[in-house]
PDB file of all heavy atoms in Angstrom:
ATOM      1  N   ARG A   1       0.828  -1.237  -0.043  1.00  0.00           N
ATOM      2  CA  ARG A   1       0.021  -0.028  -0.031  1.00  0.00           C
ATOM      3  C   ARG A   1       0.862   1.233  -0.042  1.00  0.00           C
ATOM      4  O   ARG A   1       0.478   2.245  -0.611  1.00  0.00           O
ATOM      5  CB  ARG A   1      -0.956   0.007   1.221  1.00  0.00           C
ATOM      6  CG  ARG A   1      -2.405   0.095   0.808  1.00  0.00           C
ATOM      7  CD  ARG A   1      -3.334   0.220   1.983  1.00  0.00           C
ATOM      8  NE  ARG A   1      -2.891  -0.357   3.318  1.00  0.00           N
ATOM      9  CZ  ARG A   1      -3.175  -1.577   3.696  1.00  0.00           C
ATOM     10  NH1 ARG A   1      -3.848  -2.409   2.840  1.00  0.00           N
ATOM     11  NH2 ARG A   1      -2.781  -2.056   4.746  1.00  0.00           N
ATOM     12  N   ASP A   2       2.001   1.204   0.717  1.00  0.00           N
ATOM     13  CA  ASP A   2       2.958   2.381   0.731  1.00  0.00           C
ATOM     14  C   ASP A   2       3.493   2.663  -0.705  1.00  0.00           C
ATOM     15  O   ASP A   2       3.828   3.766  -1.013  1.00  0.00           O
ATOM     16  CB  ASP A   2       4.041   2.052   1.758  1.00  0.00           C
ATOM     17  CG  ASP A   2       3.600   2.242   3.141  1.00  0.00           C
ATOM     18  OD1 ASP A   2       2.489   2.787   3.367  1.00  0.00           O
ATOM     19  OD2 ASP A   2       4.284   1.788   4.074  1.00  0.00           O
ATOM     20  N   ILE A   3       3.597   1.645  -1.478  1.00  0.00           N
ATOM     21  CA  ILE A   3       4.227   1.775  -2.823  1.00  0.00           C
ATOM     22  C   ILE A   3       3.185   1.937  -3.895  1.00  0.00           C
ATOM     23  O   ILE A   3       3.368   2.868  -4.763  1.00  0.00           O
ATOM     24  CB  ILE A   3       5.104   0.471  -3.196  1.00  0.00           C
ATOM     25  CG1 ILE A   3       6.232   0.393  -2.138  1.00  0.00           C
ATOM     26  CG2 ILE A   3       5.624   0.563  -4.624  1.00  0.00           C
ATOM     27  CD1 ILE A   3       7.001  -0.926  -2.198  1.00  0.00           C
ATOM     28  N   CYS A   4       2.110   1.143  -3.863  1.00  0.00           N
ATOM     29  CA  CYS A   4       1.171   1.138  -4.941  1.00  0.00           C
ATOM     30  C   CYS A   4      -0.013   2.002  -4.561  1.00  0.00           C
ATOM     31  O   CYS A   4      -0.619   1.656  -3.445  1.00  0.00           O
ATOM     32  CB  CYS A   4       0.808  -0.366  -5.207  1.00  0.00           C
ATOM     33  SG  CYS A   4      -0.349  -0.621  -6.547  1.00  0.00           S
ATOM     34  N   SER A   5      -0.363   2.917  -5.346  1.00  0.00           N
ATOM     35  CA  SER A   5      -1.533   3.765  -4.944  1.00  0.00           C
ATOM     36  C   SER A   5      -2.837   3.387  -5.527  1.00  0.00           C
ATOM     37  O   SER A   5      -3.918   3.881  -5.127  1.00  0.00           O
ATOM     38  CB  SER A   5      -1.205   5.170  -5.442  1.00  0.00           C
ATOM     39  OG  SER A   5      -1.148   5.202  -6.806  1.00  0.00           O
ATOM     40  N   ASP A   6      -2.813   2.343  -6.341  1.00  0.00           N
ATOM     41  CA  ASP A   6      -4.113   1.885  -7.000  1.00  0.00           C
ATOM     42  C   ASP A   6      -4.742   0.744  -6.232  1.00  0.00           C
ATOM     43  O   ASP A   6      -4.180  -0.349  -6.173  1.00  0.00           O
ATOM     44  CB  ASP A   6      -3.699   1.487  -8.482  1.00  0.00           C
ATOM     45  CG  ASP A   6      -4.935   0.995  -9.260  1.00  0.00           C
ATOM     46  OD1 ASP A   6      -6.039   1.372  -8.839  1.00  0.00           O
ATOM     47  OD2 ASP A   6      -4.763   0.253 -10.125  1.00  0.00           O
ATOM     48  N   ASN A   7      -5.871   1.052  -5.640  1.00  0.00           N
ATOM     49  CA  ASN A   7      -6.574   0.026  -4.789  1.00  0.00           C
ATOM     50  C   ASN A   7      -6.994  -1.177  -5.671  1.00  0.00           C
ATOM     51  O   ASN A   7      -7.011  -2.342  -5.115  1.00  0.00           O
ATOM     52  CB  ASN A   7      -7.837   0.711  -4.105  1.00  0.00           C
ATOM     53  CG  ASN A   7      -7.503   1.537  -2.987  1.00  0.00           C
ATOM     54  OD1 ASN A   7      -6.420   1.231  -2.352  1.00  0.00           O
ATOM     55  ND2 ASN A   7      -8.220   2.471  -2.666  1.00  0.00           N
ATOM     56  N   GLN A   8      -7.431  -0.957  -6.873  1.00  0.00           N
ATOM     57  CA  GLN A   8      -7.722  -2.158  -7.707  1.00  0.00           C
ATOM     58  C   GLN A   8      -6.588  -3.075  -7.880  1.00  0.00           C
ATOM     59  O   GLN A   8      -6.682  -4.282  -7.902  1.00  0.00           O
ATOM     60  CB  GLN A   8      -8.262  -1.648  -9.074  1.00  0.00           C
ATOM     61  CG  GLN A   8      -8.907  -2.715  -9.892  1.00  0.00           C
ATOM     62  CD  GLN A   8      -9.565  -2.138 -11.172  1.00  0.00           C
ATOM     63  OE1 GLN A   8      -9.491  -0.973 -11.462  1.00  0.00           O
ATOM     64  NE2 GLN A   8     -10.211  -3.121 -11.906  1.00  0.00           N
ATOM     65  N   SER A   9      -5.385  -2.485  -8.145  1.00  0.00           N
ATOM     66  CA  SER A   9      -4.197  -3.394  -8.278  1.00  0.00           C
ATOM     67  C   SER A   9      -3.921  -4.125  -7.032  1.00  0.00           C
ATOM     68  O   SER A   9      -3.511  -5.294  -7.036  1.00  0.00           O
ATOM     69  CB  SER A   9      -2.951  -2.449  -8.658  1.00  0.00           C
ATOM     70  OG  SER A   9      -3.146  -1.855  -9.943  1.00  0.00           O
ATOM     71  N   LEU A  10      -4.017  -3.491  -5.841  1.00  0.00           N
ATOM     72  CA  LEU A  10      -3.809  -4.135  -4.610  1.00  0.00           C
ATOM     73  C   LEU A  10      -4.733  -5.246  -4.404  1.00  0.00           C
ATOM     74  O   LEU A  10      -4.341  -6.302  -3.888  1.00  0.00           O
ATOM     75  CB  LEU A  10      -3.876  -3.113  -3.407  1.00  0.00           C
ATOM     76  CG  LEU A  10      -2.774  -2.102  -3.417  1.00  0.00           C
ATOM     77  CD1 LEU A  10      -3.110  -0.988  -2.386  1.00  0.00           C
ATOM     78  CD2 LEU A  10      -1.397  -2.731  -3.143  1.00  0.00           C
ATOM     79  N   LYS A  11      -6.068  -5.026  -4.710  1.00  0.00           N
ATOM     80  CA  LYS A  11      -7.027  -6.126  -4.616  1.00  0.00           C
ATOM     81  C   LYS A  11      -6.712  -7.282  -5.573  1.00  0.00           C
ATOM     82  O   LYS A  11      -6.887  -8.486  -5.155  1.00  0.00           O
ATOM     83  CB  LYS A  11      -8.440  -5.561  -4.996  1.00  0.00           C
ATOM     84  CG  LYS A  11      -8.986  -4.621  -3.874  1.00  0.00           C
ATOM     85  CD  LYS A  11     -10.412  -4.190  -4.273  1.00  0.00           C
ATOM     86  CE  LYS A  11     -10.821  -3.135  -3.255  1.00  0.00           C
ATOM     87  NZ  LYS A  11     -12.158  -2.548  -3.628  1.00  0.00           N
ATOM     88  N   ALA A  12      -6.170  -7.019  -6.712  1.00  0.00           N
ATOM     89  CA  ALA A  12      -5.820  -8.083  -7.684  1.00  0.00           C
ATOM     90  C   ALA A  12      -4.710  -8.889  -7.129  1.00  0.00           C
ATOM     91  O   ALA A  12      -4.662 -10.163  -7.229  1.00  0.00           O
ATOM     92  CB  ALA A  12      -5.448  -7.519  -8.968  1.00  0.00           C
ATOM     93  N   LEU A  13      -3.754  -8.251  -6.483  1.00  0.00           N
ATOM     94  CA  LEU A  13      -2.570  -8.939  -5.896  1.00  0.00           C
ATOM     95  C   LEU A  13      -3.077  -9.931  -4.758  1.00  0.00           C
ATOM     96  O   LEU A  13      -2.651 -11.061  -4.636  1.00  0.00           O
ATOM     97  CB  LEU A  13      -1.571  -8.019  -5.285  1.00  0.00           C
ATOM     98  CG  LEU A  13      -0.727  -7.226  -6.346  1.00  0.00           C
ATOM     99  CD1 LEU A  13       0.028  -6.222  -5.678  1.00  0.00           C
ATOM    100  CD2 LEU A  13       0.150  -8.115  -7.181  1.00  0.00           C
ATOM    101  N   GLU A  14      -3.947  -9.409  -3.984  1.00  0.00           N
ATOM    102  CA  GLU A  14      -4.482 -10.203  -2.822  1.00  0.00           C
ATOM    103  C   GLU A  14      -5.398 -11.326  -3.245  1.00  0.00           C
ATOM    104  O   GLU A  14      -5.402 -12.386  -2.747  1.00  0.00           O
ATOM    105  CB  GLU A  14      -5.148  -9.358  -1.809  1.00  0.00           C
ATOM    106  CG  GLU A  14      -4.281  -8.504  -0.930  1.00  0.00           C
ATOM    107  CD  GLU A  14      -3.322  -9.441  -0.101  1.00  0.00           C
ATOM    108  OE1 GLU A  14      -3.816 -10.381   0.490  1.00  0.00           O
ATOM    109  OE2 GLU A  14      -2.160  -9.095  -0.137  1.00  0.00           O
ATOM    110  N   ALA A  15      -6.170 -11.084  -4.386  1.00  0.00           N
ATOM    111  CA  ALA A  15      -7.124 -12.028  -4.883  1.00  0.00           C
ATOM    112  C   ALA A  15      -6.348 -13.247  -5.421  1.00  0.00           C
ATOM    113  O   ALA A  15      -6.937 -14.439  -5.325  1.00  0.00           O
ATOM    114  CB  ALA A  15      -7.984 -11.553  -5.933  1.00  0.00           C
ATOM    115  N   ASN A  16      -5.187 -13.043  -5.882  1.00  0.00           N
ATOM    116  CA  ASN A  16      -4.417 -14.243  -6.444  1.00  0.00           C
ATOM    117  C   ASN A  16      -3.371 -14.789  -5.475  1.00  0.00           C
ATOM    118  O   ASN A  16      -2.600 -15.627  -5.836  1.00  0.00           O
ATOM    119  CB  ASN A  16      -3.679 -13.796  -7.723  1.00  0.00           C
ATOM    120  CG  ASN A  16      -4.608 -13.478  -8.808  1.00  0.00           C
ATOM    121  OD1 ASN A  16      -5.555 -14.178  -9.062  1.00  0.00           O
ATOM    122  ND2 ASN A  16      -4.336 -12.436  -9.676  1.00  0.00           N
ATOM    123  N   ARG A  17      -3.419 -14.319  -4.206  1.00  0.00           N
ATOM    124  CA  ARG A  17      -2.349 -14.632  -3.262  1.00  0.00           C
ATOM    125  C   ARG A  17      -2.225 -16.223  -3.039  1.00  0.00           C
ATOM    126  O   ARG A  17      -1.219 -16.729  -2.820  1.00  0.00           O
ATOM    127  CB  ARG A  17      -2.704 -14.021  -1.986  1.00  0.00           C
ATOM    128  CG  ARG A  17      -1.764 -14.196  -0.853  1.00  0.00           C
ATOM    129  CD  ARG A  17      -0.439 -13.572  -0.998  1.00  0.00           C
ATOM    130  NE  ARG A  17      -0.605 -12.084  -0.992  1.00  0.00           N
ATOM    131  CZ  ARG A  17       0.428 -11.307  -1.269  1.00  0.00           C
ATOM    132  NH1 ARG A  17       1.624 -11.796  -1.403  1.00  0.00           N
ATOM    133  NH2 ARG A  17       0.212 -10.006  -1.354  1.00  0.00           N
ATOM    134  N   ASP A  18      -3.387 -16.942  -3.132  1.00  0.00           N
ATOM    135  CA  ASP A  18      -3.301 -18.427  -2.918  1.00  0.00           C
ATOM    136  C   ASP A  18      -2.639 -19.226  -3.976  1.00  0.00           C
ATOM    137  O   ASP A  18      -2.478 -20.424  -3.856  1.00  0.00           O
ATOM    138  CB  ASP A  18      -4.717 -18.912  -2.507  1.00  0.00           C
ATOM    139  CG  ASP A  18      -5.673 -18.836  -3.734  1.00  0.00           C
ATOM    140  OD1 ASP A  18      -5.297 -18.433  -4.883  1.00  0.00           O
ATOM    141  OD2 ASP A  18      -6.868 -18.989  -3.465  1.00  0.00           O
ATOM    142  N   MET A  19      -2.401 -18.643  -5.162  1.00  0.00           N
ATOM    143  CA  MET A  19      -1.727 -19.233  -6.344  1.00  0.00           C
ATOM    144  C   MET A  19      -2.546 -20.328  -7.061  1.00  0.00           C
ATOM    145  O   MET A  19      -2.014 -20.952  -7.898  1.00  0.00           O
ATOM    146  CB  MET A  19      -0.352 -19.872  -5.875  1.00  0.00           C
ATOM    147  CG  MET A  19       0.666 -18.882  -5.417  1.00  0.00           C
ATOM    148  SD  MET A  19       1.339 -18.019  -6.779  1.00  0.00           S
ATOM    149  CE  MET A  19       3.033 -18.246  -6.639  1.00  0.00           C
ATOM    150  N   ASN A  20      -3.832 -20.343  -6.722  1.00  0.00           N
ATOM    151  CA  ASN A  20      -4.705 -21.294  -7.468  1.00  0.00           C
ATOM    152  C   ASN A  20      -4.690 -20.974  -8.905  1.00  0.00           C
ATOM    153  O   ASN A  20      -4.681 -21.957  -9.738  1.00  0.00           O
ATOM    154  CB  ASN A  20      -6.134 -21.296  -6.894  1.00  0.00           C
ATOM    155  CG  ASN A  20      -6.213 -21.983  -5.517  1.00  0.00           C
ATOM    156  OD1 ASN A  20      -5.379 -22.829  -5.167  1.00  0.00           O
ATOM    157  ND2 ASN A  20      -7.317 -21.632  -4.691  1.00  0.00           N
ATOM    158  N   ASN A  21      -4.829 -19.795  -9.306  1.00  0.00           N
ATOM    159  CA  ASN A  21      -4.926 -19.383 -10.706  1.00  0.00           C
ATOM    160  C   ASN A  21      -3.586 -19.792 -11.393  1.00  0.00           C
ATOM    161  O   ASN A  21      -3.559 -20.257 -12.551  1.00  0.00           O
ATOM    162  CB  ASN A  21      -5.181 -17.960 -10.992  1.00  0.00           C
ATOM    163  CG  ASN A  21      -6.676 -17.586 -10.596  1.00  0.00           C
ATOM    164  OD1 ASN A  21      -7.562 -18.474 -10.638  1.00  0.00           O
ATOM    165  ND2 ASN A  21      -6.866 -16.365 -10.417  1.00  0.00           N
ATOM    166  N   VAL A  22      -2.497 -19.599 -10.684  1.00  0.00           N
ATOM    167  CA  VAL A  22      -1.151 -19.842 -11.272  1.00  0.00           C
ATOM    168  C   VAL A  22      -1.055 -21.347 -11.521  1.00  0.00           C
ATOM    169  O   VAL A  22      -0.627 -21.829 -12.671  1.00  0.00           O
ATOM    170  CB  VAL A  22      -0.055 -19.400 -10.280  1.00  0.00           C
ATOM    171  CG1 VAL A  22       1.324 -19.863 -10.671  1.00  0.00           C
ATOM    172  CG2 VAL A  22      -0.054 -17.822 -10.298  1.00  0.00           C
ATOM    173  N   GLU A  23      -1.421 -22.121 -10.564  1.00  0.00           N
ATOM    174  CA  GLU A  23      -1.266 -23.581 -10.712  1.00  0.00           C
ATOM    175  C   GLU A  23      -2.207 -24.041 -11.784  1.00  0.00           C
ATOM    176  O   GLU A  23      -1.797 -24.983 -12.592  1.00  0.00           O
ATOM    177  CB  GLU A  23      -1.614 -24.260  -9.367  1.00  0.00           C
ATOM    178  CG  GLU A  23      -0.571 -23.982  -8.271  1.00  0.00           C
ATOM    179  CD  GLU A  23       0.837 -24.369  -8.580  1.00  0.00           C
ATOM    180  OE1 GLU A  23       1.133 -25.177  -9.366  1.00  0.00           O
ATOM    181  OE2 GLU A  23       1.741 -23.720  -8.097  1.00  0.00           O
ATOM    182  N   ALA A  24      -3.466 -23.475 -11.903  1.00  0.00           N
ATOM    183  CA  ALA A  24      -4.307 -23.841 -12.978  1.00  0.00           C
ATOM    184  C   ALA A  24      -3.761 -23.585 -14.378  1.00  0.00           C
ATOM    185  O   ALA A  24      -3.861 -24.401 -15.237  1.00  0.00           O
ATOM    186  CB  ALA A  24      -5.654 -23.108 -12.842  1.00  0.00           C
ATOM    187  N   VAL A  25      -3.176 -22.421 -14.543  1.00  0.00           N
ATOM    188  CA  VAL A  25      -2.507 -22.048 -15.792  1.00  0.00           C
ATOM    189  C   VAL A  25      -1.353 -23.051 -16.122  1.00  0.00           C
ATOM    190  O   VAL A  25      -1.169 -23.495 -17.240  1.00  0.00           O
ATOM    191  CB  VAL A  25      -2.047 -20.690 -15.794  1.00  0.00           C
ATOM    192  CG1 VAL A  25      -1.190 -20.279 -17.002  1.00  0.00           C
ATOM    193  CG2 VAL A  25      -3.269 -19.651 -15.750  1.00  0.00           C
ATOM    194  N   ILE A  26      -0.578 -23.329 -15.149  1.00  0.00           N
ATOM    195  CA  ILE A  26       0.619 -24.255 -15.274  1.00  0.00           C
ATOM    196  C   ILE A  26       0.086 -25.624 -15.713  1.00  0.00           C
ATOM    197  O   ILE A  26       0.547 -26.218 -16.658  1.00  0.00           O
ATOM    198  CB  ILE A  26       1.452 -24.218 -14.097  1.00  0.00           C
ATOM    199  CG1 ILE A  26       2.241 -22.954 -13.906  1.00  0.00           C
ATOM    200  CG2 ILE A  26       2.550 -25.362 -14.154  1.00  0.00           C
ATOM    201  CD1 ILE A  26       2.952 -22.728 -12.633  1.00  0.00           C
ATOM    202  N   ASP A  27      -0.910 -26.102 -14.963  1.00  0.00           N
ATOM    203  CA  ASP A  27      -1.505 -27.448 -15.369  1.00  0.00           C
ATOM    204  C   ASP A  27      -2.047 -27.391 -16.722  1.00  0.00           C
ATOM    205  O   ASP A  27      -1.800 -28.371 -17.479  1.00  0.00           O
ATOM    206  CB  ASP A  27      -2.603 -27.777 -14.346  1.00  0.00           C
ATOM    207  CG  ASP A  27      -2.121 -28.093 -12.960  1.00  0.00           C
ATOM    208  OD1 ASP A  27      -0.822 -28.388 -12.754  1.00  0.00           O
ATOM    209  OD2 ASP A  27      -2.753 -28.146 -11.987  1.00  0.00           O
ATOM    210  N   LYS A  28      -2.762 -26.446 -17.131  1.00  0.00           N
ATOM    211  CA  LYS A  28      -3.405 -26.377 -18.442  1.00  0.00           C
ATOM    212  C   LYS A  28      -2.281 -26.346 -19.492  1.00  0.00           C
ATOM    213  O   LYS A  28      -2.353 -27.098 -20.581  1.00  0.00           O
ATOM    214  CB  LYS A  28      -4.347 -25.244 -18.575  1.00  0.00           C
ATOM    215  CG  LYS A  28      -4.956 -25.085 -19.953  1.00  0.00           C
ATOM    216  CD  LYS A  28      -6.111 -24.148 -19.971  1.00  0.00           C
ATOM    217  CE  LYS A  28      -6.799 -24.047 -21.315  1.00  0.00           C
ATOM    218  NZ  LYS A  28      -7.477 -25.181 -21.795  1.00  0.00           N
ATOM    219  N   CYS A  29      -1.257 -25.542 -19.284  1.00  0.00           N
ATOM    220  CA  CYS A  29      -0.155 -25.467 -20.259  1.00  0.00           C
ATOM    221  C   CYS A  29       0.548 -26.784 -20.403  1.00  0.00           C
ATOM    222  O   CYS A  29       0.938 -27.171 -21.495  1.00  0.00           O
ATOM    223  CB  CYS A  29       0.807 -24.314 -19.847  1.00  0.00           C
ATOM    224  SG  CYS A  29       0.109 -22.668 -20.102  1.00  0.00           S
ATOM    225  N   GLU A  30       0.832 -27.508 -19.275  1.00  0.00           N
ATOM    226  CA  GLU A  30       1.467 -28.765 -19.326  1.00  0.00           C
ATOM    227  C   GLU A  30       0.572 -29.856 -20.074  1.00  0.00           C
ATOM    228  O   GLU A  30       1.057 -30.588 -20.951  1.00  0.00           O
ATOM    229  CB  GLU A  30       1.754 -29.225 -17.941  1.00  0.00           C
ATOM    230  CG  GLU A  30       2.799 -28.547 -17.221  1.00  0.00           C
ATOM    231  CD  GLU A  30       3.112 -28.950 -15.769  1.00  0.00           C
ATOM    232  OE1 GLU A  30       2.227 -29.683 -15.252  1.00  0.00           O
ATOM    233  OE2 GLU A  30       4.026 -28.469 -15.209  1.00  0.00           O
ATOM    234  N   LYS A  31      -0.718 -29.880 -19.919  1.00  0.00           N
ATOM    235  CA  LYS A  31      -1.604 -30.706 -20.553  1.00  0.00           C
ATOM    236  C   LYS A  31      -1.616 -30.437 -22.012  1.00  0.00           C
ATOM    237  O   LYS A  31      -1.730 -31.332 -22.844  1.00  0.00           O
ATOM    238  CB  LYS A  31      -2.987 -30.668 -19.960  1.00  0.00           C
ATOM    239  CG  LYS A  31      -3.145 -31.230 -18.681  1.00  0.00           C
ATOM    240  CD  LYS A  31      -4.530 -31.025 -18.083  1.00  0.00           C
ATOM    241  CE  LYS A  31      -4.553 -31.658 -16.662  1.00  0.00           C
ATOM    242  NZ  LYS A  31      -5.779 -31.272 -15.937  1.00  0.00           N
TER     243      LYS A  31
END
């Protein structure tokens, strides 16, 4: 928050914090 002034960007970072989307993309790419 001290660095990034855009609340929407901060929400996006937090929304993906669990890495589920990352793992899903990696799995799909591997398949």
